[in-house]
Amino acid sequence: MMTTFSPLKKFSLSLLTCAVLAVALTGCGDDKSNFDPMDPSKIEPVTDKEKIEFEHKFAEQCVTREEKAAKGQISDKAALENTCLCISKYLMKNLTEQEAEKFLDDHENPESLVIKYDAAAYHCLQENQPKAPDFSKK
């Protein structure tokens, strides 16, 4: 006599097989690396030479990018250069070895630099804003 399985039994059998394989394969991992990306003692420091090179190249790239975006309609190039230099110095303070390597060697902008760039631009542009008048009663 031949046994036939209903679709529900086939599905249950398949699910059970997948679960057993998942548990078995999870135990097979060999995780000998204890790298913790949040541990500052494991992060390689960026050399002063790399920081200075990053500062200059990033500022140049920033000016070029902003000039291209403005299509030659920049009225104060000195202010743009100062802002871009401010941004590159701000980024340089928390630059990681991986970010420096990607930017300087691979000529790429890692996502972490893009995120930090927004904060740096906000900081530098707020720093250069004229002070608002104080209308409070003193």
Protein backbone atom coordinates (compact mmCIF):
# COMPACT_ATOMS: atom_id res chain seq x y z
CA MET A 1 0.00 0.00 0.00
CA MET A 2 1.41 3.37 -1.06
CA THR A 3 1.21 6.31 1.35
CA THR A 4 0.32 9.72 -0.04
CA PHE A 5 0.97 12.94 1.81
CA SER A 6 -1.43 15.84 1.86
CA PRO A 7 -0.07 19.28 0.89
CA LEU A 8 -0.15 20.32 4.56
CA LYS A 9 1.96 17.32 5.57
CA LYS A 10 4.43 18.01 2.73
CA PHE A 11 4.76 21.62 3.85
CA SER A 12 5.25 20.58 7.49
CA LEU A 13 7.89 18.06 6.50
CA SER A 14 9.72 20.65 4.38
CA LEU A 15 9.58 23.21 7.19
CA LEU A 16 10.92 20.71 9.71
CA THR A 17 13.77 19.75 7.36
CA CYS A 18 14.71 23.42 6.85
CA ALA A 19 14.65 24.08 10.59
CA VAL A 20 16.92 21.10 11.31
CA LEU A 21 19.38 22.21 8.59
CA ALA A 22 19.37 25.81 9.86
CA VAL A 23 20.16 24.71 13.42
CA ALA A 24 22.86 22.30 12.23
CA LEU A 25 24.55 24.83 9.95
CA THR A 26 24.48 27.61 12.55
CA GLY A 27 26.62 25.49 14.83
CA CYS A 28 29.20 24.99 12.08
CA GLY A 29 30.45 28.58 12.08
CA ASP A 30 34.03 29.16 13.15
CA ASP A 31 34.08 32.68 14.56
CA LYS A 32 37.60 33.12 15.87
CA SER A 33 37.80 36.83 15.08
CA ASN A 34 36.87 38.99 18.03
CA PHE A 35 36.64 42.23 16.06
CA ASP A 36 34.30 44.70 17.68
CA PRO A 37 33.77 47.76 15.46
CA MET A 38 32.65 49.77 18.47
CA ASP A 39 35.86 49.12 20.42
CA PRO A 40 38.09 52.18 19.93
CA SER A 41 41.23 50.28 20.98
CA LYS A 42 40.95 48.07 17.87
CA ILE A 43 40.68 50.95 15.40
CA GLU A 44 43.92 51.81 13.65
CA PRO A 45 44.90 55.46 14.03
CA VAL A 46 45.17 57.71 11.00
CA THR A 47 48.65 59.15 10.53
CA ASP A 48 49.22 62.90 10.49
CA LYS A 49 50.38 62.65 6.88
CA GLU A 50 47.12 60.96 5.88
CA LYS A 51 45.10 63.55 7.77
CA ILE A 52 46.82 66.47 6.04
CA GLU A 53 46.53 64.79 2.64
CA PHE A 54 42.85 64.09 3.30
CA GLU A 55 42.22 67.67 4.41
CA HIS A 56 43.67 69.18 1.23
CA LYS A 57 42.20 66.67 -1.23
CA PHE A 58 38.76 66.77 0.36
CA ALA A 59 38.71 70.58 0.35
CA GLU A 60 39.75 70.62 -3.34
CA GLN A 61 37.05 68.08 -4.20
CA CYS A 62 34.46 70.08 -2.25
CA VAL A 63 35.28 73.33 -4.08
CA THR A 64 35.22 71.58 -7.47
CA ARG A 65 31.90 69.89 -6.68
CA GLU A 66 30.27 73.12 -5.48
CA GLU A 67 31.56 75.11 -8.47
CA LYS A 68 30.20 72.47 -10.82
CA ALA A 69 26.83 72.49 -9.03
CA ALA A 70 26.66 76.30 -9.20
CA LYS A 71 27.56 76.27 -12.92
CA GLY A 72 30.08 79.09 -12.60
CA GLN A 73 27.77 81.45 -10.71
CA ILE A 74 29.80 81.67 -7.51
CA SER A 75 30.21 85.26 -6.36
CA ASP A 76 32.61 84.68 -3.45
CA LYS A 77 35.09 81.90 -4.20
CA ALA A 78 37.15 82.71 -1.09
CA ALA A 79 34.13 82.09 1.15
CA LEU A 80 33.50 78.78 -0.64
CA GLU A 81 37.13 77.73 -0.15
CA ASN A 82 36.98 78.67 3.56
CA THR A 83 33.76 76.70 4.04
CA CYS A 84 35.17 73.64 2.27
CA LEU A 85 38.36 73.86 4.34
CA CYS A 86 36.27 74.10 7.50
CA ILE A 87 34.32 71.00 6.44
CA SER A 88 37.47 69.02 5.70
CA LYS A 89 39.01 69.99 9.07
CA TYR A 90 35.79 69.00 10.84
CA LEU A 91 35.80 65.61 9.08
CA MET A 92 39.50 65.12 9.75
CA LYS A 93 38.94 65.20 13.54
CA ASN A 94 37.03 61.89 13.51
CA LEU A 95 38.53 60.30 10.41
CA THR A 96 39.02 56.54 10.61
CA GLU A 97 41.74 54.56 8.87
CA GLN A 98 39.16 52.83 6.67
CA GLU A 99 37.64 56.15 5.56
CA ALA A 100 41.06 57.62 4.81
CA GLU A 101 42.07 54.54 2.82
CA LYS A 102 38.84 54.53 0.79
CA PHE A 103 39.09 58.25 0.05
CA LEU A 104 42.84 58.57 -0.59
CA ASP A 105 43.68 55.19 -2.14
CA ASP A 106 40.44 54.00 -3.72
CA HIS A 107 39.15 57.50 -4.63
CA GLU A 108 35.73 56.70 -3.16
CA ASN A 109 33.53 58.49 -0.66
CA PRO A 110 32.42 55.94 1.93
CA GLU A 111 28.86 56.27 3.23
CA SER A 112 30.14 57.22 6.69
CA LEU A 113 31.90 60.26 5.18
CA VAL A 114 28.73 61.29 3.37
CA ILE A 115 26.82 61.19 6.65
CA LYS A 116 29.56 63.08 8.49
CA TYR A 117 29.71 65.61 5.63
CA ASP A 118 26.14 66.73 6.31
CA ALA A 119 26.93 67.39 9.97
CA ALA A 120 30.17 69.17 9.07
CA ALA A 121 28.48 71.36 6.46
CA TYR A 122 25.78 72.33 8.93
CA HIS A 123 28.41 73.15 11.57
CA CYS A 124 30.56 75.20 9.20
CA LEU A 125 27.69 77.07 7.59
CA GLN A 126 26.18 77.94 10.99
CA GLU A 127 29.58 79.15 12.14
CA ASN A 128 29.79 81.60 9.23
CA GLN A 129 26.29 83.04 9.63
CA PRO A 130 26.03 86.63 10.84
CA LYS A 131 24.67 86.99 14.34
CA ALA A 132 20.95 87.71 14.50
CA PRO A 133 19.91 90.87 16.34
CA ASP A 134 18.89 90.40 19.97
CA PHE A 135 15.41 91.82 20.54
CA SER A 136 15.10 90.67 24.12
CA LYS A 137 14.55 93.26 26.83
CA LYS A 138 17.57 93.64 29.04
